[in-house]
Amino acid sequence: MDQGYYEEITSVLAMFDRPDLIAEFQEHVKVDKDYKPPKFVRKDKYSDSEGSATSESDYEVEEDENGFQSLK
């Protein structure tokens, strides 16, 4: 694991006063001293600011005589 992430996780656990989880984390996760971050990281082509499916929930439903629903 990257040194920065390791320290960040440890500090968050300390902030929530969880020495038990810190000890468990330090026991099972080790820092990789040879880690080099990738030179190229592909960005997601969709941003968080673009619309979502929840904003497109304006649809109408009709029910037939058997109780089945379908979109209008």
PDB file of N, CA and C in Angstrom:
ATOM      1  N   MET A   1       0.842  -1.168   0.000  1.00  0.00           N
ATOM      2  CA  MET A   1       0.000   0.000   0.000  1.00  0.00           C
ATOM      3  C   MET A   1       0.891   1.236   0.000  1.00  0.00           C
ATOM      4  N   ASP A   2       0.413   2.287  -0.619  1.00  0.00           N
ATOM      5  CA  ASP A   2       1.110   3.563  -0.679  1.00  0.00           C
ATOM      6  C   ASP A   2       1.231   4.167   0.731  1.00  0.00           C
ATOM      7  N   GLN A   3       2.359   4.772   1.029  1.00  0.00           N
ATOM      8  CA  GLN A   3       2.618   5.348   2.352  1.00  0.00           C
ATOM      9  C   GLN A   3       1.578   6.414   2.714  1.00  0.00           C
ATOM     10  N   GLY A   4       1.202   7.249   1.758  1.00  0.00           N
ATOM     11  CA  GLY A   4       0.227   8.313   2.027  1.00  0.00           C
ATOM     12  C   GLY A   4      -1.128   7.767   2.436  1.00  0.00           C
ATOM     13  N   TYR A   5      -1.608   6.764   1.703  1.00  0.00           N
ATOM     14  CA  TYR A   5      -2.899   6.157   2.047  1.00  0.00           C
ATOM     15  C   TYR A   5      -2.831   5.447   3.395  1.00  0.00           C
ATOM     16  N   TYR A   6      -1.717   4.799   3.649  1.00  0.00           N
ATOM     17  CA  TYR A   6      -1.525   4.098   4.918  1.00  0.00           C
ATOM     18  C   TYR A   6      -1.646   5.066   6.092  1.00  0.00           C
ATOM     19  N   GLU A   7      -0.964   6.198   5.980  1.00  0.00           N
ATOM     20  CA  GLU A   7      -1.008   7.199   7.053  1.00  0.00           C
ATOM     21  C   GLU A   7      -2.387   7.831   7.170  1.00  0.00           C
ATOM     22  N   GLU A   8      -3.055   8.044   6.041  1.00  0.00           N
ATOM     23  CA  GLU A   8      -4.387   8.649   6.074  1.00  0.00           C
ATOM     24  C   GLU A   8      -5.386   7.727   6.764  1.00  0.00           C
ATOM     25  N   ILE A   9      -5.341   6.444   6.447  1.00  0.00           N
ATOM     26  CA  ILE A   9      -6.252   5.490   7.083  1.00  0.00           C
ATOM     27  C   ILE A   9      -5.975   5.407   8.574  1.00  0.00           C
ATOM     28  N   THR A  10      -4.710   5.369   8.940  1.00  0.00           N
ATOM     29  CA  THR A  10      -4.336   5.316  10.349  1.00  0.00           C
ATOM     30  C   THR A  10      -4.812   6.556  11.096  1.00  0.00           C
ATOM     31  N   SER A  11      -4.677   7.736  10.476  1.00  0.00           N
ATOM     32  CA  SER A  11      -5.110   8.966  11.151  1.00  0.00           C
ATOM     33  C   SER A  11      -6.630   9.040  11.285  1.00  0.00           C
ATOM     34  N   VAL A  12      -7.362   8.527  10.300  1.00  0.00           N
ATOM     35  CA  VAL A  12      -8.825   8.509  10.413  1.00  0.00           C
ATOM     36  C   VAL A  12      -9.258   7.581  11.537  1.00  0.00           C
ATOM     37  N   LEU A  13      -8.623   6.423  11.638  1.00  0.00           N
ATOM     38  CA  LEU A  13      -8.951   5.513  12.734  1.00  0.00           C
ATOM     39  C   LEU A  13      -8.606   6.132  14.085  1.00  0.00           C
ATOM     40  N   ALA A  14      -7.512   6.869  14.147  1.00  0.00           N
ATOM     41  CA  ALA A  14      -7.135   7.538  15.393  1.00  0.00           C
ATOM     42  C   ALA A  14      -8.133   8.647  15.731  1.00  0.00           C
ATOM     43  N   MET A  15      -8.621   9.336  14.705  1.00  0.00           N
ATOM     44  CA  MET A  15      -9.588  10.410  14.922  1.00  0.00           C
ATOM     45  C   MET A  15     -10.865   9.856  15.563  1.00  0.00           C
ATOM     46  N   PHE A  16     -11.239   8.624  15.208  1.00  0.00           N
ATOM     47  CA  PHE A  16     -12.424   8.003  15.777  1.00  0.00           C
ATOM     48  C   PHE A  16     -12.098   7.150  17.007  1.00  0.00           C
ATOM     49  N   ASP A  17     -10.871   7.327  17.527  1.00  0.00           N
ATOM     50  CA  ASP A  17     -10.433   6.662  18.754  1.00  0.00           C
ATOM     51  C   ASP A  17     -10.628   5.145  18.678  1.00  0.00           C
ATOM     52  N   ARG A  18     -10.021   4.542  17.641  1.00  0.00           N
ATOM     53  CA  ARG A  18     -10.125   3.098  17.436  1.00  0.00           C
ATOM     54  C   ARG A  18      -8.741   2.444  17.426  1.00  0.00           C
ATOM     55  N   PRO A  19      -8.058   2.399  18.578  1.00  0.00           N
ATOM     56  CA  PRO A  19      -6.734   1.769  18.616  1.00  0.00           C
ATOM     57  C   PRO A  19      -6.783   0.286  18.260  1.00  0.00           C
ATOM     58  N   ASP A  20      -7.919  -0.375  18.510  1.00  0.00           N
ATOM     59  CA  ASP A  20      -8.047  -1.785  18.148  1.00  0.00           C
ATOM     60  C   ASP A  20      -7.982  -1.973  16.634  1.00  0.00           C
ATOM     61  N   LEU A  21      -8.649  -1.090  15.895  1.00  0.00           N
ATOM     62  CA  LEU A  21      -8.614  -1.189  14.439  1.00  0.00           C
ATOM     63  C   LEU A  21      -7.270  -0.752  13.871  1.00  0.00           C
ATOM     64  N   ILE A  22      -6.631   0.203  14.528  1.00  0.00           N
ATOM     65  CA  ILE A  22      -5.295   0.622  14.088  1.00  0.00           C
ATOM     66  C   ILE A  22      -4.327  -0.543  14.203  1.00  0.00           C
ATOM     67  N   ALA A  23      -4.368  -1.253  15.344  1.00  0.00           N
ATOM     68  CA  ALA A  23      -3.479  -2.402  15.539  1.00  0.00           C
ATOM     69  C   ALA A  23      -3.764  -3.491  14.517  1.00  0.00           C
ATOM     70  N   GLU A  24      -5.036  -3.750  14.254  1.00  0.00           N
ATOM     71  CA  GLU A  24      -5.420  -4.758  13.262  1.00  0.00           C
ATOM     72  C   GLU A  24      -4.950  -4.350  11.868  1.00  0.00           C
ATOM     73  N   PHE A  25      -5.134  -3.079  11.534  1.00  0.00           N
ATOM     74  CA  PHE A  25      -4.718  -2.558  10.231  1.00  0.00           C
ATOM     75  C   PHE A  25      -3.208  -2.682  10.065  1.00  0.00           C
ATOM     76  N   GLN A  26      -2.454  -2.273  11.082  1.00  0.00           N
ATOM     77  CA  GLN A  26      -0.999  -2.323  11.000  1.00  0.00           C
ATOM     78  C   GLN A  26      -0.483  -3.755  10.938  1.00  0.00           C
ATOM     79  N   GLU A  27      -1.238  -4.680  11.528  1.00  0.00           N
ATOM     80  CA  GLU A  27      -0.828  -6.085  11.502  1.00  0.00           C
ATOM     81  C   GLU A  27      -1.011  -6.698  10.114  1.00  0.00           C
ATOM     82  N   HIS A  28      -2.078  -6.325   9.416  1.00  0.00           N
ATOM     83  CA  HIS A  28      -2.422  -6.989   8.160  1.00  0.00           C
ATOM     84  C   HIS A  28      -2.046  -6.218   6.901  1.00  0.00           C
ATOM     85  N   VAL A  29      -1.784  -4.915   7.020  1.00  0.00           N
ATOM     86  CA  VAL A  29      -1.476  -4.106   5.843  1.00  0.00           C
ATOM     87  C   VAL A  29      -0.071  -3.549   5.984  1.00  0.00           C
ATOM     88  N   LYS A  30       0.715  -3.716   4.962  1.00  0.00           N
ATOM     89  CA  LYS A  30       2.094  -3.227   4.969  1.00  0.00           C
ATOM     90  C   LYS A  30       2.287  -2.195   3.864  1.00  0.00           C
ATOM     91  N   VAL A  31       3.216  -1.273   4.090  1.00  0.00           N
ATOM     92  CA  VAL A  31       3.548  -0.246   3.101  1.00  0.00           C
ATOM     93  C   VAL A  31       4.500  -0.847   2.079  1.00  0.00           C
ATOM     94  N   ASP A  32       4.214  -0.613   0.808  1.00  0.00           N
ATOM     95  CA  ASP A  32       5.071  -1.072  -0.273  1.00  0.00           C
ATOM     96  C   ASP A  32       6.061   0.041  -0.599  1.00  0.00           C
ATOM     97  N   LYS A  33       7.292  -0.134  -0.191  1.00  0.00           N
ATOM     98  CA  LYS A  33       8.301   0.905  -0.387  1.00  0.00           C
ATOM     99  C   LYS A  33       8.701   1.058  -1.858  1.00  0.00           C
ATOM    100  N   ASP A  34       8.450   0.047  -2.674  1.00  0.00           N
ATOM    101  CA  ASP A  34       8.798   0.094  -4.097  1.00  0.00           C
ATOM    102  C   ASP A  34       7.663   0.607  -4.971  1.00  0.00           C
ATOM    103  N   TYR A  35       6.555   1.022  -4.361  1.00  0.00           N
ATOM    104  CA  TYR A  35       5.389   1.463  -5.133  1.00  0.00           C
ATOM    105  C   TYR A  35       5.694   2.759  -5.883  1.00  0.00           C
ATOM    106  N   LYS A  36       5.322   2.763  -7.158  1.00  0.00           N
ATOM    107  CA  LYS A  36       5.422   3.965  -7.968  1.00  0.00           C
ATOM    108  C   LYS A  36       4.048   4.181  -8.593  1.00  0.00           C
ATOM    109  N   PRO A  37       3.453   5.342  -8.401  1.00  0.00           N
ATOM    110  CA  PRO A  37       2.121   5.566  -8.973  1.00  0.00           C
ATOM    111  C   PRO A  37       2.163   5.514 -10.493  1.00  0.00           C
ATOM    112  N   PRO A  38       1.069   5.104 -11.128  1.00  0.00           N
ATOM    113  CA  PRO A  38       1.055   5.029 -12.589  1.00  0.00           C
ATOM    114  C   PRO A  38       1.212   6.402 -13.218  1.00  0.00           C
ATOM    115  N   LYS A  39       1.870   6.438 -14.371  1.00  0.00           N
ATOM    116  CA  LYS A  39       2.091   7.714 -15.053  1.00  0.00           C
ATOM    117  C   LYS A  39       0.828   8.200 -15.740  1.00  0.00           C
ATOM    118  N   PHE A  40       0.007   7.268 -16.212  1.00  0.00           N
ATOM    119  CA  PHE A  40      -1.205   7.634 -16.925  1.00  0.00           C
ATOM    120  C   PHE A  40      -2.413   7.043 -16.198  1.00  0.00           C
ATOM    121  N   VAL A  41      -3.334   7.888 -15.833  1.00  0.00           N
ATOM    122  CA  VAL A  41      -4.559   7.435 -15.192  1.00  0.00           C
ATOM    123  C   VAL A  41      -5.722   7.867 -16.073  1.00  0.00           C
ATOM    124  N   ARG A  42      -6.488   6.890 -16.525  1.00  0.00           N
ATOM    125  CA  ARG A  42      -7.622   7.204 -17.386  1.00  0.00           C
ATOM    126  C   ARG A  42      -8.740   7.810 -16.550  1.00  0.00           C
ATOM    127  N   LYS A  43      -9.237   8.956 -16.976  1.00  0.00           N
ATOM    128  CA  LYS A  43     -10.306   9.625 -16.252  1.00  0.00           C
ATOM    129  C   LYS A  43     -11.649   9.106 -16.732  1.00  0.00           C
ATOM    130  N   ASP A  44     -12.600   9.120 -15.822  1.00  0.00           N
ATOM    131  CA  ASP A  44     -13.954   8.714 -16.159  1.00  0.00           C
ATOM    132  C   ASP A  44     -14.559   9.737 -17.103  1.00  0.00           C
ATOM    133  N   LYS A  45     -15.189   9.265 -18.176  1.00  0.00           N
ATOM    134  CA  LYS A  45     -15.704  10.207 -19.158  1.00  0.00           C
ATOM    135  C   LYS A  45     -16.980  10.895 -18.692  1.00  0.00           C
ATOM    136  N   TYR A  46     -17.587  10.416 -17.630  1.00  0.00           N
ATOM    137  CA  TYR A  46     -18.785  11.054 -17.081  1.00  0.00           C
ATOM    138  C   TYR A  46     -18.420  11.740 -15.773  1.00  0.00           C
ATOM    139  N   SER A  47     -18.910  12.921 -15.594  1.00  0.00           N
ATOM    140  CA  SER A  47     -18.602  13.645 -14.360  1.00  0.00           C
ATOM    141  C   SER A  47     -19.771  13.532 -13.391  1.00  0.00           C
ATOM    142  N   ASP A  48     -19.514  13.869 -12.134  1.00  0.00           N
ATOM    143  CA  ASP A  48     -20.557  13.840 -11.115  1.00  0.00           C
ATOM    144  C   ASP A  48     -21.597  14.928 -11.339  1.00  0.00           C
ATOM    145  N   SER A  49     -21.222  15.972 -12.069  1.00  0.00           N
ATOM    146  CA  SER A  49     -22.148  17.079 -12.271  1.00  0.00           C
ATOM    147  C   SER A  49     -23.163  16.802 -13.376  1.00  0.00           C
ATOM    148  N   GLU A  50     -22.922  15.769 -14.179  1.00  0.00           N
ATOM    149  CA  GLU A  50     -23.878  15.431 -15.221  1.00  0.00           C
ATOM    150  C   GLU A  50     -25.097  14.764 -14.598  1.00  0.00           C
ATOM    151  N   GLY A  51     -26.188  14.706 -15.339  1.00  0.00           N
ATOM    152  CA  GLY A  51     -27.443  14.170 -14.829  1.00  0.00           C
ATOM    153  C   GLY A  51     -27.350  12.732 -14.382  1.00  0.00           C
ATOM    154  N   SER A  52     -28.337  12.315 -13.658  1.00  0.00           N
ATOM    155  CA  SER A  52     -28.383  10.932 -13.203  1.00  0.00           C
ATOM    156  C   SER A  52     -29.758  10.359 -13.494  1.00  0.00           C
ATOM    157  N   ALA A  53     -29.892   9.083 -13.323  1.00  0.00           N
ATOM    158  CA  ALA A  53     -31.158   8.418 -13.603  1.00  0.00           C
ATOM    159  C   ALA A  53     -32.274   8.907 -12.682  1.00  0.00           C
ATOM    160  N   THR A  54     -31.925   9.332 -11.490  1.00  0.00           N
ATOM    161  CA  THR A  54     -32.965   9.795 -10.569  1.00  0.00           C
ATOM    162  C   THR A  54     -33.624  11.072 -11.072  1.00  0.00           C
ATOM    163  N   SER A  55     -32.908  11.877 -11.852  1.00  0.00           N
ATOM    164  CA  SER A  55     -33.515  13.105 -12.365  1.00  0.00           C
ATOM    165  C   SER A  55     -34.426  12.828 -13.552  1.00  0.00           C
ATOM    166  N   GLU A  56     -34.388  11.611 -14.079  1.00  0.00           N
ATOM    167  CA  GLU A  56     -35.212  11.261 -15.232  1.00  0.00           C
ATOM    168  C   GLU A  56     -36.350  10.329 -14.835  1.00  0.00           C
ATOM    169  N   SER A  57     -36.835  10.441 -13.618  1.00  0.00           N
ATOM    170  CA  SER A  57     -37.850   9.521 -13.136  1.00  0.00           C
ATOM    171  C   SER A  57     -39.270  10.019 -13.403  1.00  0.00           C
ATOM    172  N   ASP A  58     -39.470  10.968 -14.287  1.00  0.00           N
ATOM    173  CA  ASP A  58     -40.800  11.461 -14.609  1.00  0.00           C
ATOM    174  C   ASP A  58     -41.389  10.612 -15.731  1.00  0.00           C
ATOM    175  N   TYR A  59     -42.079   9.560 -15.372  1.00  0.00           N
ATOM    176  CA  TYR A  59     -42.705   8.691 -16.358  1.00  0.00           C
ATOM    177  C   TYR A  59     -44.094   8.318 -15.846  1.00  0.00           C
ATOM    178  N   GLU A  60     -44.940   7.943 -16.753  1.00  0.00           N
ATOM    179  CA  GLU A  60     -46.304   7.567 -16.394  1.00  0.00           C
ATOM    180  C   GLU A  60     -46.502   6.090 -16.634  1.00  0.00           C
ATOM    181  N   VAL A  61     -47.305   5.476 -15.755  1.00  0.00           N
ATOM    182  CA  VAL A  61     -47.568   4.050 -15.822  1.00  0.00           C
ATOM    183  C   VAL A  61     -49.067   3.837 -15.959  1.00  0.00           C
ATOM    184  N   GLU A  62     -49.439   2.892 -16.799  1.00  0.00           N
ATOM    185  CA  GLU A  62     -50.848   2.518 -16.885  1.00  0.00           C
ATOM    186  C   GLU A  62     -50.991   1.059 -16.493  1.00  0.00           C
ATOM    187  N   GLU A  63     -52.126   0.731 -15.907  1.00  0.00           N
ATOM    188  CA  GLU A  63     -52.372  -0.625 -15.434  1.00  0.00           C
ATOM    189  C   GLU A  63     -53.508  -1.230 -16.238  1.00  0.00           C
ATOM    190  N   ASP A  64     -53.307  -2.463 -16.712  1.00  0.00           N
ATOM    191  CA  ASP A  64     -54.372  -3.101 -17.489  1.00  0.00           C
ATOM    192  C   ASP A  64     -55.343  -3.834 -16.552  1.00  0.00           C
ATOM    193  N   GLU A  65     -56.325  -4.537 -17.144  1.00  0.00           N
ATOM    194  CA  GLU A  65     -57.362  -5.174 -16.346  1.00  0.00           C
ATOM    195  C   GLU A  65     -56.850  -6.334 -15.501  1.00  0.00           C
ATOM    196  N   ASN A  66     -55.679  -6.867 -15.828  1.00  0.00           N
ATOM    197  CA  ASN A  66     -55.084  -7.969 -15.044  1.00  0.00           C
ATOM    198  C   ASN A  66     -54.136  -7.473 -13.966  1.00  0.00           C
ATOM    199  N   GLY A  67     -53.952  -6.161 -13.854  1.00  0.00           N
ATOM    200  CA  GLY A  67     -53.085  -5.604 -12.821  1.00  0.00           C
ATOM    201  C   GLY A  67     -51.645  -5.427 -13.259  1.00  0.00           C
ATOM    202  N   PHE A  68     -51.347  -5.690 -14.531  1.00  0.00           N
ATOM    203  CA  PHE A  68     -49.989  -5.499 -15.026  1.00  0.00           C
ATOM    204  C   PHE A  68     -49.761  -4.037 -15.372  1.00  0.00           C
ATOM    205  N   GLN A  69     -48.578  -3.564 -15.070  1.00  0.00           N
ATOM    206  CA  GLN A  69     -48.244  -2.165 -15.361  1.00  0.00           C
ATOM    207  C   GLN A  69     -47.347  -2.073 -16.582  1.00  0.00           C
ATOM    208  N   SER A  70     -47.526  -0.979 -17.321  1.00  0.00           N
ATOM    209  CA  SER A  70     -46.661  -0.714 -18.477  1.00  0.00           C
ATOM    210  C   SER A  70     -46.484   0.790 -18.596  1.00  0.00           C
ATOM    211  N   LEU A  71     -45.406   1.176 -19.248  1.00  0.00           N
ATOM    212  CA  LEU A  71     -45.143   2.593 -19.455  1.00  0.00           C
ATOM    213  C   LEU A  71     -46.064   3.132 -20.530  1.00  0.00           C
ATOM    214  N   LYS A  72     -46.478   4.381 -20.379  1.00  0.00           N
ATOM    215  CA  LYS A  72     -47.327   5.018 -21.390  1.00  0.00           C
ATOM    216  C   LYS A  72     -46.477   5.521 -22.522  1.00  0.00           C
TER     217      LYS A  72
END
